[in-house]
Amino acid sequence: MTEGTVLIVEDDATIARFVELELEHAGFDVLRAGDGPTAIDLLEANEVSLLILDLMLPGIDGIDVARHVRKKGSTVPILMLTARAETHDVVSGFEAGADDYLRKPFEIPELLSRVRALLKRTRASASQSPYEASGVRIDPEKREASTRGVPFDLTAKEFDLLAYLVSNAGRVISRDEILESVWGGQHATDSNVIEVFVCHIRSKIGDKENKVIQTIRGVGYFFARG
């Protein structure tokens, strides 16, 4: 039984072939594309479990491919590959709809770990019931969030973070715990990433006075039960 179908979008044929062989060895079916337009065509023609997406691509870059995927309403997990490590570039990838990112060069065991973690998280979300705190309702199966019955748009990573905060409402959550649970621990050196996303979420849920998502200096965050 296959572990699922992974689409690799990478213009370096050597890297793409190497990753393809390793994924097939791990039990995955694999599709490949060397540019953005081909990737979009394959996504529309096939049922894909996960997308491995290089940031720098000919034709349409990875950011625009991710945006296209999300505008179509697809929730397929996206693992973005990038040689860029600046906070701005990381945030841009997540804002476009990426669920995770992996810096180049990378080791295959780490890539496989990220792939399996994303698929596990996606399958687990599909079996969870909605939950709520401070008027914010999270529907894990539909990956939808709403306040007092009114839905609002979130990027994939904003949803993951908000869902984690709401599910842990009423207790202080450390930054390290958030990094580990929402970002897989790999963003420990990107100290501004969490702050950027919390700021975005506060704006979207109307938390103008930071009463719902409270910053606990030197520790982390507290999401009020309401």
N, C-alpha and C. Protein backbone atom coordinates (compact mmCIF):
# COMPACT_ATOMS: atom_id res chain seq x y z
N MET A 1 0.85 -1.20 0.00
CA MET A 1 0.00 0.00 0.00
C MET A 1 0.88 1.24 0.00
N THR A 2 0.62 2.18 -0.92
CA THR A 2 1.42 3.38 -1.03
C THR A 2 1.19 4.33 0.15
N GLU A 3 2.22 5.10 0.47
CA GLU A 3 2.12 6.10 1.53
C GLU A 3 1.42 7.36 1.05
N GLY A 4 1.19 7.46 -0.25
CA GLY A 4 0.58 8.65 -0.83
C GLY A 4 1.38 9.10 -2.04
N THR A 5 0.84 10.08 -2.76
CA THR A 5 1.51 10.60 -3.95
C THR A 5 2.12 11.96 -3.66
N VAL A 6 3.42 12.10 -3.91
CA VAL A 6 4.15 13.34 -3.68
C VAL A 6 4.54 13.94 -5.02
N LEU A 7 4.26 15.22 -5.20
CA LEU A 7 4.69 15.94 -6.40
C LEU A 7 5.93 16.76 -6.05
N ILE A 8 7.03 16.47 -6.73
CA ILE A 8 8.28 17.22 -6.55
C ILE A 8 8.37 18.27 -7.64
N VAL A 9 8.51 19.53 -7.25
CA VAL A 9 8.66 20.61 -8.22
C VAL A 9 10.04 21.22 -8.00
N GLU A 10 10.97 20.85 -8.85
CA GLU A 10 12.38 21.22 -8.68
C GLU A 10 13.02 21.28 -10.06
N ASP A 11 13.66 22.42 -10.40
CA ASP A 11 14.25 22.56 -11.73
C ASP A 11 15.63 21.95 -11.85
N ASP A 12 16.25 21.59 -10.72
CA ASP A 12 17.52 20.89 -10.76
C ASP A 12 17.22 19.39 -10.91
N ALA A 13 17.46 18.86 -12.12
CA ALA A 13 17.07 17.48 -12.41
C ALA A 13 17.79 16.48 -11.52
N THR A 14 19.04 16.76 -11.14
CA THR A 14 19.80 15.84 -10.29
C THR A 14 19.17 15.73 -8.90
N ILE A 15 18.85 16.90 -8.32
CA ILE A 15 18.21 16.91 -7.00
C ILE A 15 16.85 16.24 -7.07
N ALA A 16 16.07 16.58 -8.09
CA ALA A 16 14.73 16.02 -8.23
C ALA A 16 14.76 14.50 -8.34
N ARG A 17 15.67 13.98 -9.14
CA ARG A 17 15.76 12.53 -9.33
C ARG A 17 16.20 11.84 -8.04
N PHE A 18 17.14 12.44 -7.33
CA PHE A 18 17.62 11.87 -6.08
C PHE A 18 16.48 11.79 -5.06
N VAL A 19 15.73 12.89 -4.92
CA VAL A 19 14.61 12.92 -3.98
C VAL A 19 13.53 11.94 -4.42
N GLU A 20 13.29 11.85 -5.72
CA GLU A 20 12.30 10.91 -6.24
C GLU A 20 12.63 9.47 -5.85
N LEU A 21 13.88 9.07 -6.04
CA LEU A 21 14.29 7.71 -5.71
C LEU A 21 14.14 7.42 -4.22
N GLU A 22 14.50 8.38 -3.39
CA GLU A 22 14.41 8.19 -1.94
C GLU A 22 12.94 8.09 -1.49
N LEU A 23 12.08 8.91 -2.07
CA LEU A 23 10.67 8.85 -1.73
C LEU A 23 10.04 7.55 -2.18
N GLU A 24 10.40 7.10 -3.37
CA GLU A 24 9.88 5.82 -3.85
C GLU A 24 10.34 4.68 -2.96
N HIS A 25 11.59 4.75 -2.52
CA HIS A 25 12.12 3.73 -1.62
C HIS A 25 11.37 3.72 -0.29
N ALA A 26 10.88 4.90 0.12
CA ALA A 26 10.14 5.03 1.38
C ALA A 26 8.66 4.67 1.22
N GLY A 27 8.25 4.31 0.00
CA GLY A 27 6.89 3.84 -0.19
C GLY A 27 5.92 4.82 -0.82
N PHE A 28 6.42 5.94 -1.33
CA PHE A 28 5.56 6.94 -1.94
C PHE A 28 5.52 6.80 -3.46
N ASP A 29 4.39 7.15 -4.04
CA ASP A 29 4.32 7.36 -5.48
C ASP A 29 4.80 8.78 -5.74
N VAL A 30 5.49 9.00 -6.84
CA VAL A 30 6.11 10.30 -7.08
C VAL A 30 5.80 10.83 -8.47
N LEU A 31 5.45 12.12 -8.53
CA LEU A 31 5.33 12.87 -9.77
C LEU A 31 6.39 13.96 -9.75
N ARG A 32 6.86 14.37 -10.93
CA ARG A 32 7.90 15.40 -10.99
C ARG A 32 7.54 16.49 -11.99
N ALA A 33 7.94 17.72 -11.63
CA ALA A 33 7.81 18.85 -12.54
C ALA A 33 9.06 19.72 -12.39
N GLY A 34 9.50 20.30 -13.52
CA GLY A 34 10.69 21.13 -13.48
C GLY A 34 10.40 22.61 -13.54
N ASP A 35 9.10 22.97 -13.61
CA ASP A 35 8.73 24.38 -13.66
C ASP A 35 7.33 24.57 -13.10
N GLY A 36 6.96 25.82 -12.86
CA GLY A 36 5.68 26.12 -12.25
C GLY A 36 4.47 25.73 -13.07
N PRO A 37 4.39 26.07 -14.36
CA PRO A 37 3.22 25.70 -15.16
C PRO A 37 2.97 24.19 -15.21
N THR A 38 4.04 23.41 -15.35
CA THR A 38 3.88 21.95 -15.37
C THR A 38 3.36 21.44 -14.03
N ALA A 39 3.85 22.03 -12.96
CA ALA A 39 3.39 21.64 -11.62
C ALA A 39 1.89 21.88 -11.47
N ILE A 40 1.42 23.02 -11.92
CA ILE A 40 0.00 23.34 -11.82
C ILE A 40 -0.84 22.36 -12.63
N ASP A 41 -0.37 22.02 -13.83
CA ASP A 41 -1.08 21.05 -14.66
C ASP A 41 -1.17 19.69 -13.97
N LEU A 42 -0.06 19.25 -13.38
CA LEU A 42 -0.05 17.94 -12.70
C LEU A 42 -0.96 17.94 -11.48
N LEU A 43 -0.98 19.04 -10.75
CA LEU A 43 -1.85 19.14 -9.57
C LEU A 43 -3.32 19.06 -9.96
N GLU A 44 -3.66 19.65 -11.09
CA GLU A 44 -5.06 19.66 -11.52
C GLU A 44 -5.49 18.31 -12.11
N ALA A 45 -4.51 17.53 -12.56
CA ALA A 45 -4.83 16.26 -13.22
C ALA A 45 -4.67 15.04 -12.31
N ASN A 46 -4.09 15.24 -11.12
CA ASN A 46 -3.81 14.11 -10.23
C ASN A 46 -4.22 14.40 -8.79
N GLU A 47 -4.46 13.33 -8.05
CA GLU A 47 -4.74 13.47 -6.62
C GLU A 47 -3.41 13.38 -5.88
N VAL A 48 -2.93 14.52 -5.41
CA VAL A 48 -1.61 14.62 -4.79
C VAL A 48 -1.75 14.74 -3.27
N SER A 49 -0.97 13.95 -2.55
CA SER A 49 -1.03 13.97 -1.08
C SER A 49 -0.17 15.07 -0.48
N LEU A 50 0.92 15.43 -1.18
CA LEU A 50 1.84 16.43 -0.64
C LEU A 50 2.65 17.02 -1.79
N LEU A 51 2.97 18.30 -1.66
CA LEU A 51 3.73 19.02 -2.68
C LEU A 51 5.06 19.47 -2.10
N ILE A 52 6.17 19.04 -2.73
CA ILE A 52 7.51 19.53 -2.39
C ILE A 52 7.86 20.57 -3.44
N LEU A 53 7.98 21.81 -3.02
CA LEU A 53 8.02 22.93 -3.96
C LEU A 53 9.27 23.79 -3.78
N ASP A 54 10.11 23.83 -4.81
CA ASP A 54 11.28 24.69 -4.78
C ASP A 54 10.85 26.14 -4.90
N LEU A 55 11.51 27.03 -4.20
CA LEU A 55 11.14 28.44 -4.23
C LEU A 55 11.48 29.08 -5.58
N MET A 56 12.68 28.80 -6.10
CA MET A 56 13.14 29.41 -7.34
C MET A 56 12.88 28.47 -8.51
N LEU A 57 11.94 28.85 -9.38
CA LEU A 57 11.55 28.02 -10.52
C LEU A 57 11.42 28.87 -11.78
N PRO A 58 11.67 28.27 -12.93
CA PRO A 58 11.43 28.99 -14.18
C PRO A 58 9.93 29.07 -14.48
N GLY A 59 9.53 30.09 -15.21
CA GLY A 59 8.13 30.23 -15.59
C GLY A 59 7.29 30.87 -14.51
N ILE A 60 6.97 30.12 -13.51
CA ILE A 60 6.23 30.62 -12.34
C ILE A 60 6.99 30.16 -11.12
N ASP A 61 7.38 31.09 -10.23
CA ASP A 61 8.18 30.67 -9.08
C ASP A 61 7.32 29.97 -8.03
N GLY A 62 8.01 29.42 -7.01
CA GLY A 62 7.32 28.64 -6.00
C GLY A 62 6.27 29.41 -5.23
N ILE A 63 6.53 30.68 -4.97
CA ILE A 63 5.57 31.51 -4.24
C ILE A 63 4.26 31.60 -5.01
N ASP A 64 4.37 31.85 -6.32
CA ASP A 64 3.16 31.99 -7.13
C ASP A 64 2.44 30.65 -7.33
N VAL A 65 3.20 29.56 -7.39
CA VAL A 65 2.57 28.25 -7.48
C VAL A 65 1.75 27.99 -6.21
N ALA A 66 2.35 28.27 -5.06
CA ALA A 66 1.65 28.07 -3.78
C ALA A 66 0.39 28.93 -3.71
N ARG A 67 0.50 30.17 -4.14
CA ARG A 67 -0.67 31.06 -4.13
C ARG A 67 -1.77 30.51 -5.03
N HIS A 68 -1.38 30.02 -6.19
CA HIS A 68 -2.36 29.45 -7.12
C HIS A 68 -3.07 28.26 -6.49
N VAL A 69 -2.30 27.40 -5.85
CA VAL A 69 -2.87 26.21 -5.22
C VAL A 69 -3.91 26.61 -4.17
N ARG A 70 -3.56 27.58 -3.33
CA ARG A 70 -4.48 27.98 -2.27
C ARG A 70 -5.70 28.72 -2.81
N LYS A 71 -5.51 29.51 -3.86
CA LYS A 71 -6.67 30.21 -4.45
C LYS A 71 -7.67 29.23 -5.03
N LYS A 72 -7.18 28.08 -5.46
CA LYS A 72 -8.07 27.04 -5.97
C LYS A 72 -8.80 26.31 -4.85
N GLY A 73 -8.46 26.62 -3.62
CA GLY A 73 -9.11 25.99 -2.48
C GLY A 73 -8.48 24.70 -2.02
N SER A 74 -7.35 24.33 -2.59
CA SER A 74 -6.68 23.09 -2.20
C SER A 74 -5.99 23.23 -0.85
N THR A 75 -6.10 22.18 -0.04
CA THR A 75 -5.42 22.16 1.27
C THR A 75 -4.25 21.19 1.26
N VAL A 76 -3.78 20.79 0.08
CA VAL A 76 -2.66 19.86 0.00
C VAL A 76 -1.46 20.45 0.76
N PRO A 77 -0.82 19.67 1.62
CA PRO A 77 0.34 20.18 2.36
C PRO A 77 1.47 20.58 1.40
N ILE A 78 2.10 21.72 1.67
CA ILE A 78 3.19 22.21 0.83
C ILE A 78 4.46 22.34 1.66
N LEU A 79 5.48 21.61 1.26
CA LEU A 79 6.81 21.73 1.86
C LEU A 79 7.67 22.50 0.87
N MET A 80 8.08 23.70 1.26
CA MET A 80 8.84 24.55 0.36
C MET A 80 10.34 24.39 0.59
N LEU A 81 11.08 24.26 -0.51
CA LEU A 81 12.54 24.17 -0.45
C LEU A 81 13.13 25.52 -0.81
N THR A 82 14.09 25.98 -0.02
CA THR A 82 14.68 27.28 -0.28
C THR A 82 16.10 27.37 0.25
N ALA A 83 16.93 28.11 -0.48
CA ALA A 83 18.28 28.39 0.00
C ALA A 83 18.29 29.66 0.82
N ARG A 84 17.17 30.35 0.85
CA ARG A 84 17.06 31.61 1.59
C ARG A 84 16.71 31.33 3.05
N ALA A 85 17.31 32.09 3.94
CA ALA A 85 17.07 31.84 5.36
C ALA A 85 16.61 33.08 6.12
N GLU A 86 16.42 34.21 5.41
CA GLU A 86 15.98 35.42 6.08
C GLU A 86 14.53 35.30 6.52
N THR A 87 14.22 35.93 7.65
CA THR A 87 12.87 35.86 8.19
C THR A 87 11.84 36.32 7.16
N HIS A 88 12.16 37.37 6.41
CA HIS A 88 11.22 37.89 5.41
C HIS A 88 10.89 36.83 4.37
N ASP A 89 11.90 36.11 3.91
CA ASP A 89 11.66 35.08 2.90
C ASP A 89 10.85 33.92 3.46
N VAL A 90 11.14 33.56 4.71
CA VAL A 90 10.39 32.49 5.36
C VAL A 90 8.92 32.87 5.50
N VAL A 91 8.66 34.08 5.99
CA VAL A 91 7.29 34.55 6.17
C VAL A 91 6.56 34.63 4.83
N SER A 92 7.25 35.10 3.79
CA SER A 92 6.64 35.20 2.47
C SER A 92 6.16 33.83 1.98
N GLY A 93 6.97 32.80 2.22
CA GLY A 93 6.58 31.45 1.82
C GLY A 93 5.35 30.98 2.57
N PHE A 94 5.31 31.22 3.86
CA PHE A 94 4.15 30.81 4.65
C PHE A 94 2.91 31.61 4.27
N GLU A 95 3.08 32.91 4.00
CA GLU A 95 1.94 33.73 3.61
C GLU A 95 1.36 33.28 2.28
N ALA A 96 2.19 32.71 1.43
CA ALA A 96 1.72 32.22 0.13
C ALA A 96 0.96 30.91 0.27
N GLY A 97 1.10 30.24 1.42
CA GLY A 97 0.35 29.01 1.65
C GLY A 97 1.18 27.80 2.00
N ALA A 98 2.51 27.96 2.13
CA ALA A 98 3.35 26.82 2.51
C ALA A 98 3.03 26.38 3.94
N ASP A 99 3.13 25.09 4.19
CA ASP A 99 2.92 24.54 5.53
C ASP A 99 4.24 24.40 6.28
N ASP A 100 5.32 24.25 5.55
CA ASP A 100 6.63 24.04 6.16
C ASP A 100 7.68 24.42 5.13
N TYR A 101 8.91 24.64 5.59
CA TYR A 101 9.98 24.87 4.64
C TYR A 101 11.24 24.18 5.10
N LEU A 102 12.07 23.87 4.14
CA LEU A 102 13.32 23.16 4.41
C LEU A 102 14.43 23.88 3.66
N ARG A 103 15.49 24.21 4.40
CA ARG A 103 16.61 24.93 3.79
C ARG A 103 17.50 23.99 2.98
N LYS A 104 17.96 24.47 1.86
CA LYS A 104 18.98 23.77 1.08
C LYS A 104 20.35 24.18 1.58
N PRO A 105 21.32 23.28 1.57
CA PRO A 105 21.20 21.85 1.27
C PRO A 105 20.56 21.12 2.45
N PHE A 106 19.91 19.99 2.18
CA PHE A 106 19.23 19.25 3.22
C PHE A 106 19.62 17.78 3.14
N GLU A 107 19.39 17.08 4.24
CA GLU A 107 19.63 15.65 4.29
C GLU A 107 18.32 14.90 4.05
N ILE A 108 18.38 13.80 3.35
CA ILE A 108 17.17 13.02 3.03
C ILE A 108 16.39 12.59 4.27
N PRO A 109 17.05 12.12 5.36
CA PRO A 109 16.28 11.76 6.55
C PRO A 109 15.43 12.91 7.08
N GLU A 110 15.97 14.13 7.02
CA GLU A 110 15.19 15.28 7.49
C GLU A 110 14.03 15.55 6.54
N LEU A 111 14.25 15.44 5.24
CA LEU A 111 13.17 15.63 4.28
C LEU A 111 12.05 14.63 4.52
N LEU A 112 12.40 13.35 4.67
CA LEU A 112 11.39 12.33 4.90
C LEU A 112 10.64 12.56 6.20
N SER A 113 11.35 13.03 7.21
CA SER A 113 10.72 13.32 8.50
C SER A 113 9.68 14.42 8.35
N ARG A 114 10.03 15.47 7.59
CA ARG A 114 9.09 16.58 7.39
C ARG A 114 7.87 16.11 6.59
N VAL A 115 8.12 15.31 5.55
CA VAL A 115 7.03 14.81 4.72
C VAL A 115 6.05 13.99 5.57
N ARG A 116 6.57 13.07 6.36
CA ARG A 116 5.71 12.21 7.18
C ARG A 116 4.97 13.03 8.24
N ALA A 117 5.65 14.02 8.82
CA ALA A 117 5.02 14.85 9.85
C ALA A 117 3.86 15.65 9.26
N LEU A 118 4.04 16.21 8.07
CA LEU A 118 2.97 16.97 7.43
C LEU A 118 1.78 16.08 7.10
N LEU A 119 2.05 14.90 6.58
CA LEU A 119 0.96 13.98 6.24
C LEU A 119 0.23 13.50 7.50
N LYS A 120 0.98 13.23 8.55
CA LYS A 120 0.37 12.80 9.81
C LYS A 120 -0.52 13.89 10.39
N ARG A 121 -0.02 15.13 10.35
CA ARG A 121 -0.79 16.25 10.87
C ARG A 121 -2.08 16.44 10.07
N THR A 122 -1.98 16.31 8.76
CA THR A 122 -3.15 16.48 7.90
C THR A 122 -4.20 15.41 8.17
N ARG A 123 -3.75 14.17 8.32
CA ARG A 123 -4.69 13.06 8.57
C ARG A 123 -5.32 13.17 9.96
N ALA A 124 -4.53 13.64 10.93
CA ALA A 124 -5.05 13.80 12.29
C ALA A 124 -6.11 14.90 12.34
N SER A 125 -5.87 15.99 11.61
CA SER A 125 -6.82 17.10 11.60
C SER A 125 -8.17 16.68 11.06
N ALA A 126 -8.14 15.77 10.08
CA ALA A 126 -9.39 15.34 9.45
C ALA A 126 -10.29 14.57 10.40
N SER A 127 -9.75 14.08 11.51
CA SER A 127 -10.54 13.29 12.45
C SER A 127 -10.92 14.06 13.71
N GLN A 128 -10.56 15.34 13.78
CA GLN A 128 -10.85 16.14 14.98
C GLN A 128 -12.16 16.89 14.86
N SER A 129 -12.82 17.07 15.99
CA SER A 129 -14.06 17.85 16.03
C SER A 129 -13.74 19.32 16.24
N PRO A 130 -14.65 20.23 15.84
CA PRO A 130 -14.42 21.66 16.04
C PRO A 130 -14.30 21.99 17.53
N TYR A 131 -13.57 23.05 17.83
CA TYR A 131 -13.43 23.53 19.20
C TYR A 131 -13.34 25.06 19.19
N GLU A 132 -13.49 25.68 20.36
CA GLU A 132 -13.67 27.13 20.40
C GLU A 132 -13.12 27.72 21.69
N ALA A 133 -12.66 28.97 21.62
CA ALA A 133 -12.25 29.75 22.79
C ALA A 133 -12.28 31.22 22.41
N SER A 134 -12.74 32.05 23.32
CA SER A 134 -12.82 33.51 23.11
C SER A 134 -13.54 33.87 21.81
N GLY A 135 -14.56 33.10 21.48
CA GLY A 135 -15.34 33.40 20.29
C GLY A 135 -14.71 32.96 18.99
N VAL A 136 -13.54 32.33 19.06
CA VAL A 136 -12.86 31.85 17.86
C VAL A 136 -13.11 30.36 17.73
N ARG A 137 -13.72 29.95 16.63
CA ARG A 137 -14.05 28.54 16.41
C ARG A 137 -13.13 27.96 15.35
N ILE A 138 -12.58 26.80 15.65
CA ILE A 138 -11.67 26.11 14.75
C ILE A 138 -12.33 24.81 14.28
N ASP A 139 -12.38 24.63 12.97
CA ASP A 139 -12.87 23.38 12.38
C ASP A 139 -11.68 22.70 11.71
N PRO A 140 -11.02 21.75 12.39
CA PRO A 140 -9.81 21.12 11.84
C PRO A 140 -10.05 20.37 10.54
N GLU A 141 -11.21 19.72 10.42
CA GLU A 141 -11.48 18.92 9.23
C GLU A 141 -11.58 19.80 7.98
N LYS A 142 -12.29 20.91 8.10
CA LYS A 142 -12.45 21.82 6.98
C LYS A 142 -11.32 22.86 6.90
N ARG A 143 -10.48 22.89 7.95
CA ARG A 143 -9.43 23.90 8.07
C ARG A 143 -10.01 25.30 7.92
N GLU A 144 -11.06 25.54 8.70
CA GLU A 144 -11.73 26.83 8.69
C GLU A 144 -11.73 27.43 10.10
N ALA A 145 -11.63 28.75 10.15
CA ALA A 145 -11.71 29.47 11.42
C ALA A 145 -12.77 30.55 11.29
N SER A 146 -13.47 30.81 12.38
CA SER A 146 -14.51 31.84 12.36
C SER A 146 -14.60 32.51 13.72
N THR A 147 -15.12 33.73 13.72
CA THR A 147 -15.39 34.44 14.97
C THR A 147 -16.87 34.78 14.98
N ARG A 148 -17.54 34.25 16.00
CA ARG A 148 -18.97 34.46 16.17
C ARG A 148 -19.75 34.14 14.89
N GLY A 149 -19.35 33.03 14.28
CA GLY A 149 -20.05 32.53 13.10
C GLY A 149 -19.61 33.11 11.78
N VAL A 150 -18.70 34.08 11.82
CA VAL A 150 -18.24 34.71 10.58
C VAL A 150 -16.84 34.18 10.24
N PRO A 151 -16.70 33.44 9.13
CA PRO A 151 -15.38 32.90 8.77
C PRO A 151 -14.42 33.98 8.29
N PHE A 152 -13.14 33.72 8.44
CA PHE A 152 -12.13 34.65 7.94
C PHE A 152 -10.98 33.87 7.35
N ASP A 153 -10.26 34.51 6.45
CA ASP A 153 -9.19 33.84 5.72
C ASP A 153 -7.90 33.78 6.52
N LEU A 154 -7.25 32.64 6.45
CA LEU A 154 -5.95 32.44 7.07
C LEU A 154 -5.06 31.70 6.09
N THR A 155 -3.76 31.98 6.13
CA THR A 155 -2.84 31.15 5.38
C THR A 155 -2.73 29.80 6.10
N ALA A 156 -2.11 28.83 5.45
CA ALA A 156 -2.00 27.50 6.04
C ALA A 156 -1.29 27.55 7.39
N LYS A 157 -0.20 28.29 7.48
CA LYS A 157 0.55 28.34 8.72
C LYS A 157 -0.15 29.19 9.78
N GLU A 158 -0.84 30.25 9.37
CA GLU A 158 -1.64 31.02 10.33
C GLU A 158 -2.71 30.14 10.95
N PHE A 159 -3.34 29.30 10.13
CA PHE A 159 -4.35 28.39 10.66
C PHE A 159 -3.73 27.43 11.67
N ASP A 160 -2.58 26.85 11.34
CA ASP A 160 -1.92 25.91 12.25
C ASP A 160 -1.63 26.57 13.59
N LEU A 161 -1.11 27.79 13.54
CA LEU A 161 -0.76 28.48 14.79
C LEU A 161 -2.01 28.84 15.58
N LEU A 162 -3.01 29.40 14.93
CA LEU A 162 -4.23 29.76 15.64
C LEU A 162 -4.90 28.53 16.23
N ALA A 163 -4.95 27.45 15.45
CA ALA A 163 -5.56 26.21 15.96
C ALA A 163 -4.84 25.73 17.20
N TYR A 164 -3.52 25.83 17.20
CA TYR A 164 -2.75 25.37 18.36
C TYR A 164 -3.01 26.27 19.57
N LEU A 165 -3.07 27.57 19.35
CA LEU A 165 -3.34 28.50 20.45
C LEU A 165 -4.72 28.26 21.04
N VAL A 166 -5.72 28.11 20.18
CA VAL A 166 -7.10 27.90 20.66
C VAL A 166 -7.21 26.58 21.40
N SER A 167 -6.56 25.54 20.88
CA SER A 167 -6.64 24.22 21.52
C SER A 167 -5.94 24.20 22.87
N ASN A 168 -5.07 25.18 23.10
CA ASN A 168 -4.36 25.27 24.39
C ASN A 168 -4.78 26.50 25.18
N ALA A 169 -5.98 27.01 24.91
CA ALA A 169 -6.48 28.20 25.59
C ALA A 169 -6.50 27.99 27.11
N GLY A 170 -6.14 29.03 27.82
CA GLY A 170 -6.18 28.97 29.27
C GLY A 170 -4.87 28.62 29.93
N ARG A 171 -3.83 28.40 29.15
CA ARG A 171 -2.52 28.14 29.74
C ARG A 171 -1.44 28.86 28.94
N VAL A 172 -0.35 29.16 29.59
CA VAL A 172 0.77 29.82 28.93
C VAL A 172 1.53 28.81 28.08
N ILE A 173 1.77 29.17 26.83
CA ILE A 173 2.49 28.29 25.90
C ILE A 173 3.83 28.92 25.60
N SER A 174 4.89 28.19 25.83
CA SER A 174 6.23 28.74 25.60
C SER A 174 6.53 28.84 24.11
N ARG A 175 7.46 29.72 23.78
CA ARG A 175 7.88 29.86 22.39
C ARG A 175 8.46 28.54 21.87
N ASP A 176 9.25 27.88 22.70
CA ASP A 176 9.85 26.61 22.28
C ASP A 176 8.77 25.58 21.95
N GLU A 177 7.70 25.55 22.74
CA GLU A 177 6.62 24.60 22.49
C GLU A 177 5.93 24.91 21.17
N ILE A 178 5.73 26.20 20.90
CA ILE A 178 5.10 26.60 19.64
C ILE A 178 6.00 26.23 18.46
N LEU A 179 7.29 26.52 18.58
CA LEU A 179 8.22 26.18 17.52
C LEU A 179 8.24 24.69 17.23
N GLU A 180 8.20 23.90 18.27
CA GLU A 180 8.25 22.46 18.12
C GLU A 180 6.95 21.91 17.54
N SER A 181 5.82 22.39 18.05
CA SER A 181 4.53 21.83 17.67
C SER A 181 3.98 22.37 16.36
N VAL A 182 4.23 23.63 16.07
CA VAL A 182 3.68 24.25 14.87
C VAL A 182 4.68 24.30 13.72
N TRP A 183 5.96 24.48 14.07
CA TRP A 183 6.98 24.59 13.03
C TRP A 183 7.97 23.43 13.03
N GLY A 184 7.75 22.45 13.86
CA GLY A 184 8.64 21.29 13.87
C GLY A 184 9.99 21.55 14.48
N GLY A 185 10.16 22.69 15.14
CA GLY A 185 11.39 22.98 15.85
C GLY A 185 12.50 23.57 15.01
N GLN A 186 12.33 23.60 13.68
CA GLN A 186 13.44 24.01 12.83
C GLN A 186 13.63 25.52 12.76
N HIS A 187 12.73 26.29 13.33
CA HIS A 187 12.82 27.73 13.19
C HIS A 187 13.35 28.41 14.45
N ALA A 188 14.08 27.68 15.26
CA ALA A 188 14.57 28.24 16.51
C ALA A 188 15.42 29.47 16.32
N THR A 189 16.11 29.59 15.17
CA THR A 189 16.97 30.75 14.93
C THR A 189 16.20 31.91 14.31
N ASP A 190 14.98 31.67 13.87
CA ASP A 190 14.16 32.72 13.27
C ASP A 190 13.25 33.31 14.34
N SER A 191 13.83 34.12 15.20
CA SER A 191 13.14 34.59 16.40
C SER A 191 11.94 35.48 16.10
N ASN A 192 11.86 36.06 14.91
CA ASN A 192 10.76 36.98 14.62
C ASN A 192 9.57 36.31 13.95
N VAL A 193 9.72 35.07 13.55
CA VAL A 193 8.65 34.41 12.79
C VAL A 193 7.36 34.32 13.60
N ILE A 194 7.44 33.86 14.83
CA ILE A 194 6.22 33.74 15.65
C ILE A 194 5.56 35.09 15.84
N GLU A 195 6.35 36.13 16.16
CA GLU A 195 5.79 37.46 16.39
C GLU A 195 5.05 37.97 15.17
N VAL A 196 5.61 37.72 13.99
CA VAL A 196 4.96 38.17 12.75
C VAL A 196 3.61 37.50 12.58
N PHE A 197 3.57 36.20 12.83
CA PHE A 197 2.32 35.47 12.63
C PHE A 197 1.29 35.80 13.71
N VAL A 198 1.72 35.99 14.93
CA VAL A 198 0.79 36.38 15.99
C VAL A 198 0.17 37.73 15.67
N CYS A 199 0.98 38.65 15.15
CA CYS A 199 0.49 39.97 14.76
C CYS A 199 -0.57 39.84 13.68
N HIS A 200 -0.33 39.00 12.67
CA HIS A 200 -1.31 38.79 11.61
C HIS A 200 -2.62 38.24 12.17
N ILE A 201 -2.51 37.25 13.06
CA ILE A 201 -3.70 36.60 13.61
C ILE A 201 -4.50 37.57 14.47
N ARG A 202 -3.80 38.36 15.29
CA ARG A 202 -4.51 39.34 16.11
C ARG A 202 -5.35 40.28 15.25
N SER A 203 -4.79 40.70 14.14
CA SER A 203 -5.51 41.59 13.23
C SER A 203 -6.74 40.91 12.66
N LYS A 204 -6.63 39.65 12.29
CA LYS A 204 -7.72 38.94 11.64
C LYS A 204 -8.85 38.57 12.59
N ILE A 205 -8.53 38.36 13.88
CA ILE A 205 -9.60 38.02 14.84
C ILE A 205 -10.11 39.26 15.57
N GLY A 206 -9.55 40.43 15.23
CA GLY A 206 -10.00 41.67 15.84
C GLY A 206 -9.51 41.89 17.26
N ASP A 207 -8.36 41.34 17.58
CA ASP A 207 -7.79 41.45 18.92
C ASP A 207 -6.91 42.70 19.00
N LYS A 208 -7.55 43.87 18.90
CA LYS A 208 -6.81 45.13 18.80
C LYS A 208 -6.03 45.47 20.07
N GLU A 209 -6.52 45.04 21.21
CA GLU A 209 -5.86 45.39 22.48
C GLU A 209 -5.06 44.23 23.05
N ASN A 210 -4.86 43.20 22.24
CA ASN A 210 -4.06 42.04 22.65
C ASN A 210 -4.59 41.39 23.94
N LYS A 211 -5.91 41.35 24.06
CA LYS A 211 -6.51 40.73 25.24
C LYS A 211 -6.78 39.24 25.04
N VAL A 212 -7.00 38.85 23.79
CA VAL A 212 -7.25 37.43 23.51
C VAL A 212 -5.93 36.67 23.44
N ILE A 213 -5.00 37.16 22.63
CA ILE A 213 -3.66 36.57 22.56
C ILE A 213 -2.71 37.49 23.32
N GLN A 214 -2.36 37.07 24.50
CA GLN A 214 -1.52 37.89 25.36
C GLN A 214 -0.06 37.44 25.28
N THR A 215 0.84 38.39 25.16
CA THR A 215 2.27 38.09 25.15
C THR A 215 2.78 38.01 26.58
N ILE A 216 3.38 36.91 26.94
CA ILE A 216 3.98 36.74 28.25
C ILE A 216 5.49 36.91 28.07
N ARG A 217 5.98 38.06 28.42
CA ARG A 217 7.37 38.42 28.12
C ARG A 217 8.36 37.39 28.67
N GLY A 218 9.28 37.02 27.79
CA GLY A 218 10.31 36.07 28.19
C GLY A 218 9.86 34.62 28.22
N VAL A 219 8.56 34.40 27.95
CA VAL A 219 8.04 33.02 28.02
C VAL A 219 7.37 32.61 26.72
N GLY A 220 6.26 33.28 26.39
CA GLY A 220 5.53 32.88 25.19
C GLY A 220 4.21 33.60 25.09
N TYR A 221 3.10 32.84 24.95
CA TYR A 221 1.79 33.44 24.71
C TYR A 221 0.71 32.74 25.52
N PHE A 222 -0.39 33.49 25.74
CA PHE A 222 -1.53 32.98 26.47
C PHE A 222 -2.78 33.33 25.67
N PHE A 223 -3.57 32.31 25.30
CA PHE A 223 -4.83 32.54 24.58
C PHE A 223 -5.96 32.41 25.59
N ALA A 224 -6.71 33.51 25.75
CA ALA A 224 -7.77 33.55 26.76
C ALA A 224 -8.92 32.62 26.40
N ARG A 225 -9.50 32.00 27.40
CA ARG A 225 -10.64 31.11 27.16
C ARG A 225 -11.87 31.90 26.74
N GLY A 226 -12.00 33.13 27.23
CA GLY A 226 -13.15 33.95 26.90
C GLY A 226 -14.29 33.77 27.87
